[in-house]
Amino acid sequence: MKFLLGTLILLLTIPFVTSCNRNPFFPRLTDYVSSVWTPQTTVGELLTNFTNSYIYRDSLRYADCISENFVFLYFDADDGRFNQWYRRTDLEATGALFRTYSQIRLTFGSIPDTIRNFSYPDSLLSFQVFFNLEIGEFLPIFGYAYFEVLKESDGKFRIQTWRDDV
């Protein structure tokens, strides 16, 4: 009788114990269906992750949106010419921005479906899009961003070049 009772208790606790190995409030990292993050297999998915990395101030997701060979170009009004920085400097600057401001909102203007749905590998795609960046309580920054994107060997699109035309 004790053996039967012990076996019954063991059989009833096994499902409970095995169901506790997964936190129900933490989605699987590859579960894109219930997530704001996408697999970045199209340009539209890349831009969704890029925008969300600003909104959620997620520097790791931001880093996944830019290529190892990334170049950011901006107009330096003091020098009267375009200047540039590379991936490392951009990650440091963007990380500082994310840490400093609690509210950041980035929105893009209308993006044609031909660009949004672009998914060809090994093809550099260049396009320009209107953006609006709101940082904290400051006046919004708006202008045009020129992007060059490439689908890399891991199947994800990443930004190769970003030029601000503010």
C-alpha atoms as a PDB file:
ATOM      1  CA  MET A   1       0.000   0.000   0.000  1.00  0.00           C
ATOM      2  CA  LYS A   2       2.809   2.451   0.897  1.00  0.00           C
ATOM      3  CA  PHE A   3       4.547   1.558  -2.384  1.00  0.00           C
ATOM      4  CA  LEU A   4       1.371   2.255  -4.372  1.00  0.00           C
ATOM      5  CA  LEU A   5       0.805   5.579  -2.577  1.00  0.00           C
ATOM      6  CA  GLY A   6       4.446   6.631  -3.117  1.00  0.00           C
ATOM      7  CA  THR A   7       4.261   5.710  -6.797  1.00  0.00           C
ATOM      8  CA  LEU A   8       1.010   7.648  -7.202  1.00  0.00           C
ATOM      9  CA  ILE A   9       2.499  10.774  -5.561  1.00  0.00           C
ATOM     10  CA  LEU A  10       5.598  10.479  -7.765  1.00  0.00           C
ATOM     11  CA  LEU A  11       3.507  10.141 -10.928  1.00  0.00           C
ATOM     12  CA  LEU A  12       1.417  13.166  -9.991  1.00  0.00           C
ATOM     13  CA  THR A  13       4.428  15.396  -9.230  1.00  0.00           C
ATOM     14  CA  ILE A  14       6.436  14.590 -12.383  1.00  0.00           C
ATOM     15  CA  PRO A  15       4.237  16.702 -14.726  1.00  0.00           C
ATOM     16  CA  PHE A  16       4.368  19.608 -12.267  1.00  0.00           C
ATOM     17  CA  VAL A  17       8.160  19.496 -11.919  1.00  0.00           C
ATOM     18  CA  THR A  18       8.796  19.166 -15.657  1.00  0.00           C
ATOM     19  CA  SER A  19       6.460  22.060 -16.463  1.00  0.00           C
ATOM     20  CA  CYS A  20       8.429  24.386 -14.160  1.00  0.00           C
ATOM     21  CA  ASN A  21      11.546  24.422 -16.356  1.00  0.00           C
ATOM     22  CA  ARG A  22      10.184  27.216 -18.587  1.00  0.00           C
ATOM     23  CA  ASN A  23       9.279  30.697 -17.453  1.00  0.00           C
ATOM     24  CA  PRO A  24       5.841  31.452 -18.981  1.00  0.00           C
ATOM     25  CA  PHE A  25       6.560  35.207 -18.901  1.00  0.00           C
ATOM     26  CA  PHE A  26       9.742  34.945 -20.971  1.00  0.00           C
ATOM     27  CA  PRO A  27       9.214  34.127 -24.660  1.00  0.00           C
ATOM     28  CA  ARG A  28      11.608  31.833 -26.497  1.00  0.00           C
ATOM     29  CA  LEU A  29      14.297  33.817 -28.308  1.00  0.00           C
ATOM     30  CA  THR A  30      13.277  32.339 -31.655  1.00  0.00           C
ATOM     31  CA  ASP A  31       9.544  32.922 -31.150  1.00  0.00           C
ATOM     32  CA  TYR A  32       9.002  35.788 -33.618  1.00  0.00           C
ATOM     33  CA  VAL A  33       5.236  35.238 -33.771  1.00  0.00           C
ATOM     34  CA  SER A  34       4.593  36.672 -30.303  1.00  0.00           C
ATOM     35  CA  SER A  35       7.437  39.174 -30.367  1.00  0.00           C
ATOM     36  CA  VAL A  36       8.056  42.681 -31.668  1.00  0.00           C
ATOM     37  CA  TRP A  37      11.343  41.395 -33.143  1.00  0.00           C
ATOM     38  CA  THR A  38      11.603  39.901 -36.619  1.00  0.00           C
ATOM     39  CA  PRO A  39      14.126  37.558 -38.276  1.00  0.00           C
ATOM     40  CA  GLN A  40      15.349  40.436 -40.560  1.00  0.00           C
ATOM     41  CA  THR A  41      14.961  38.414 -43.771  1.00  0.00           C
ATOM     42  CA  THR A  42      13.463  41.381 -45.635  1.00  0.00           C
ATOM     43  CA  VAL A  43      14.305  45.085 -45.626  1.00  0.00           C
ATOM     44  CA  GLY A  44      10.966  45.801 -43.940  1.00  0.00           C
ATOM     45  CA  GLU A  45      11.819  43.411 -41.105  1.00  0.00           C
ATOM     46  CA  LEU A  46      15.222  45.071 -40.716  1.00  0.00           C
ATOM     47  CA  LEU A  47      13.588  48.494 -40.441  1.00  0.00           C
ATOM     48  CA  THR A  48      11.058  47.126 -37.924  1.00  0.00           C
ATOM     49  CA  ASN A  49      13.884  45.852 -35.700  1.00  0.00           C
ATOM     50  CA  PHE A  50      15.827  49.079 -36.214  1.00  0.00           C
ATOM     51  CA  THR A  51      12.823  51.179 -35.154  1.00  0.00           C
ATOM     52  CA  ASN A  52      12.038  48.897 -32.204  1.00  0.00           C
ATOM     53  CA  SER A  53      15.644  49.014 -31.006  1.00  0.00           C
ATOM     54  CA  TYR A  54      15.197  52.790 -30.596  1.00  0.00           C
ATOM     55  CA  ILE A  55      11.743  52.556 -29.026  1.00  0.00           C
ATOM     56  CA  TYR A  56      12.863  49.882 -26.520  1.00  0.00           C
ATOM     57  CA  ARG A  57      16.393  51.339 -26.229  1.00  0.00           C
ATOM     58  CA  ASP A  58      17.891  47.912 -26.946  1.00  0.00           C
ATOM     59  CA  SER A  59      21.536  48.317 -27.919  1.00  0.00           C
ATOM     60  CA  LEU A  60      22.035  44.584 -28.573  1.00  0.00           C
ATOM     61  CA  ARG A  61      19.192  44.509 -31.109  1.00  0.00           C
ATOM     62  CA  TYR A  62      20.503  47.756 -32.581  1.00  0.00           C
ATOM     63  CA  ALA A  63      23.950  46.180 -33.009  1.00  0.00           C
ATOM     64  CA  ASP A  64      22.343  43.297 -34.902  1.00  0.00           C
ATOM     65  CA  CYS A  65      20.846  45.793 -37.371  1.00  0.00           C
ATOM     66  CA  ILE A  66      24.172  47.246 -38.493  1.00  0.00           C
ATOM     67  CA  SER A  67      26.935  45.508 -40.386  1.00  0.00           C
ATOM     68  CA  GLU A  68      30.463  44.908 -39.130  1.00  0.00           C
ATOM     69  CA  ASN A  69      31.538  47.290 -41.954  1.00  0.00           C
ATOM     70  CA  PHE A  70      28.969  49.934 -41.003  1.00  0.00           C
ATOM     71  CA  VAL A  71      29.575  53.594 -41.874  1.00  0.00           C
ATOM     72  CA  PHE A  72      27.466  56.510 -40.590  1.00  0.00           C
ATOM     73  CA  LEU A  73      27.719  59.753 -42.555  1.00  0.00           C
ATOM     74  CA  TYR A  74      26.511  63.099 -41.241  1.00  0.00           C
ATOM     75  CA  PHE A  75      26.868  66.729 -42.226  1.00  0.00           C
ATOM     76  CA  ASP A  76      29.229  68.628 -39.940  1.00  0.00           C
ATOM     77  CA  ALA A  77      27.978  72.229 -40.064  1.00  0.00           C
ATOM     78  CA  ASP A  78      31.175  73.532 -38.399  1.00  0.00           C
ATOM     79  CA  ASP A  79      33.380  72.060 -41.147  1.00  0.00           C
ATOM     80  CA  GLY A  80      30.820  72.577 -43.899  1.00  0.00           C
ATOM     81  CA  ARG A  81      31.217  68.985 -45.130  1.00  0.00           C
ATOM     82  CA  PHE A  82      30.124  65.407 -44.541  1.00  0.00           C
ATOM     83  CA  ASN A  83      31.961  63.532 -41.827  1.00  0.00           C
ATOM     84  CA  GLN A  84      31.752  59.864 -40.862  1.00  0.00           C
ATOM     85  CA  TRP A  85      32.198  57.347 -38.119  1.00  0.00           C
ATOM     86  CA  TYR A  86      32.271  53.583 -38.038  1.00  0.00           C
ATOM     87  CA  ARG A  87      30.492  50.776 -36.204  1.00  0.00           C
ATOM     88  CA  ARG A  88      32.316  50.989 -32.881  1.00  0.00           C
ATOM     89  CA  THR A  89      31.796  54.734 -32.484  1.00  0.00           C
ATOM     90  CA  ASP A  90      28.184  54.407 -33.602  1.00  0.00           C
ATOM     91  CA  LEU A  91      27.487  51.670 -31.041  1.00  0.00           C
ATOM     92  CA  GLU A  92      29.043  53.791 -28.292  1.00  0.00           C
ATOM     93  CA  ALA A  93      27.071  56.899 -29.295  1.00  0.00           C
ATOM     94  CA  THR A  94      23.790  55.020 -29.695  1.00  0.00           C
ATOM     95  CA  GLY A  95      24.298  53.150 -26.416  1.00  0.00           C
ATOM     96  CA  ALA A  96      24.864  56.477 -24.634  1.00  0.00           C
ATOM     97  CA  LEU A  97      21.705  57.858 -26.250  1.00  0.00           C
ATOM     98  CA  PHE A  98      19.693  54.830 -25.099  1.00  0.00           C
ATOM     99  CA  ARG A  99      21.037  55.112 -21.540  1.00  0.00           C
ATOM    100  CA  THR A 100      20.491  58.864 -21.286  1.00  0.00           C
ATOM    101  CA  TYR A 101      16.899  59.216 -22.474  1.00  0.00           C
ATOM    102  CA  SER A 102      13.943  57.240 -21.197  1.00  0.00           C
ATOM    103  CA  GLN A 103      11.719  58.035 -24.173  1.00  0.00           C
ATOM    104  CA  ILE A 104      12.911  57.693 -27.743  1.00  0.00           C
ATOM    105  CA  ARG A 105      10.647  57.327 -30.725  1.00  0.00           C
ATOM    106  CA  LEU A 106      11.765  56.730 -34.297  1.00  0.00           C
ATOM    107  CA  THR A 107       9.283  56.620 -37.155  1.00  0.00           C
ATOM    108  CA  PHE A 108       9.797  56.327 -40.880  1.00  0.00           C
ATOM    109  CA  GLY A 109       7.621  57.787 -43.589  1.00  0.00           C
ATOM    110  CA  SER A 110       5.987  55.661 -46.243  1.00  0.00           C
ATOM    111  CA  ILE A 111       8.247  52.934 -47.614  1.00  0.00           C
ATOM    112  CA  PRO A 112       7.242  51.361 -50.941  1.00  0.00           C
ATOM    113  CA  ASP A 113       6.392  47.637 -50.865  1.00  0.00           C
ATOM    114  CA  THR A 114       9.162  46.958 -53.408  1.00  0.00           C
ATOM    115  CA  ILE A 115      11.696  48.121 -50.809  1.00  0.00           C
ATOM    116  CA  ARG A 116       9.888  46.746 -47.745  1.00  0.00           C
ATOM    117  CA  ASN A 117       9.545  43.242 -49.275  1.00  0.00           C
ATOM    118  CA  PHE A 118      13.026  43.142 -50.837  1.00  0.00           C
ATOM    119  CA  SER A 119      14.665  39.865 -49.814  1.00  0.00           C
ATOM    120  CA  TYR A 120      17.315  39.044 -52.428  1.00  0.00           C
ATOM    121  CA  PRO A 121      20.644  37.796 -51.049  1.00  0.00           C
ATOM    122  CA  ASP A 122      23.961  39.333 -52.113  1.00  0.00           C
ATOM    123  CA  SER A 123      22.263  42.443 -53.510  1.00  0.00           C
ATOM    124  CA  LEU A 124      23.085  45.866 -52.123  1.00  0.00           C
ATOM    125  CA  LEU A 125      19.901  47.941 -51.979  1.00  0.00           C
ATOM    126  CA  SER A 126      20.078  51.721 -51.681  1.00  0.00           C
ATOM    127  CA  PHE A 127      17.067  53.827 -50.747  1.00  0.00           C
ATOM    128  CA  GLN A 128      16.083  57.048 -49.032  1.00  0.00           C
ATOM    129  CA  VAL A 129      13.336  57.389 -46.431  1.00  0.00           C
ATOM    130  CA  PHE A 130      11.862  60.247 -44.398  1.00  0.00           C
ATOM    131  CA  PHE A 131      12.360  59.874 -40.630  1.00  0.00           C
ATOM    132  CA  ASN A 132      11.177  61.545 -37.453  1.00  0.00           C
ATOM    133  CA  LEU A 133      13.214  61.063 -34.278  1.00  0.00           C
ATOM    134  CA  GLU A 134      11.797  62.225 -30.949  1.00  0.00           C
ATOM    135  CA  ILE A 135      14.193  62.185 -28.006  1.00  0.00           C
ATOM    136  CA  GLY A 136      12.731  62.952 -24.600  1.00  0.00           C
ATOM    137  CA  GLU A 137      11.080  66.362 -24.484  1.00  0.00           C
ATOM    138  CA  PHE A 138      13.241  67.880 -27.209  1.00  0.00           C
ATOM    139  CA  LEU A 139      11.860  69.091 -30.494  1.00  0.00           C
ATOM    140  CA  PRO A 140      11.716  66.273 -33.026  1.00  0.00           C
ATOM    141  CA  ILE A 141      14.563  65.766 -35.451  1.00  0.00           C
ATOM    142  CA  PHE A 142      13.371  65.014 -38.932  1.00  0.00           C
ATOM    143  CA  GLY A 143      14.927  64.634 -42.328  1.00  0.00           C
ATOM    144  CA  TYR A 144      15.900  61.961 -44.787  1.00  0.00           C
ATOM    145  CA  ALA A 145      18.030  58.908 -44.145  1.00  0.00           C
ATOM    146  CA  TYR A 146      19.859  57.285 -47.010  1.00  0.00           C
ATOM    147  CA  PHE A 147      20.463  53.593 -46.381  1.00  0.00           C
ATOM    148  CA  GLU A 148      22.485  50.904 -48.124  1.00  0.00           C
ATOM    149  CA  VAL A 149      21.468  47.452 -46.882  1.00  0.00           C
ATOM    150  CA  LEU A 150      22.709  43.964 -47.662  1.00  0.00           C
ATOM    151  CA  LYS A 151      21.464  40.482 -46.809  1.00  0.00           C
ATOM    152  CA  GLU A 152      24.493  38.881 -45.180  1.00  0.00           C
ATOM    153  CA  SER A 153      25.593  35.236 -45.142  1.00  0.00           C
ATOM    154  CA  ASP A 154      23.484  34.454 -42.036  1.00  0.00           C
ATOM    155  CA  GLY A 155      20.326  35.425 -43.972  1.00  0.00           C
ATOM    156  CA  LYS A 156      19.763  38.707 -42.115  1.00  0.00           C
ATOM    157  CA  PHE A 157      19.651  42.154 -43.666  1.00  0.00           C
ATOM    158  CA  ARG A 158      21.931  44.718 -42.071  1.00  0.00           C
ATOM    159  CA  ILE A 159      22.640  48.378 -42.716  1.00  0.00           C
ATOM    160  CA  GLN A 160      25.982  48.929 -44.444  1.00  0.00           C
ATOM    161  CA  THR A 161      25.762  52.721 -44.841  1.00  0.00           C
ATOM    162  CA  TRP A 162      23.532  55.295 -43.226  1.00  0.00           C
ATOM    163  CA  ARG A 163      23.714  58.933 -44.294  1.00  0.00           C
ATOM    164  CA  ASP A 164      21.634  61.542 -42.511  1.00  0.00           C
ATOM    165  CA  ASP A 165      20.296  64.366 -44.634  1.00  0.00           C
ATOM    166  CA  VAL A 166      18.855  66.531 -41.847  1.00  0.00           C
END
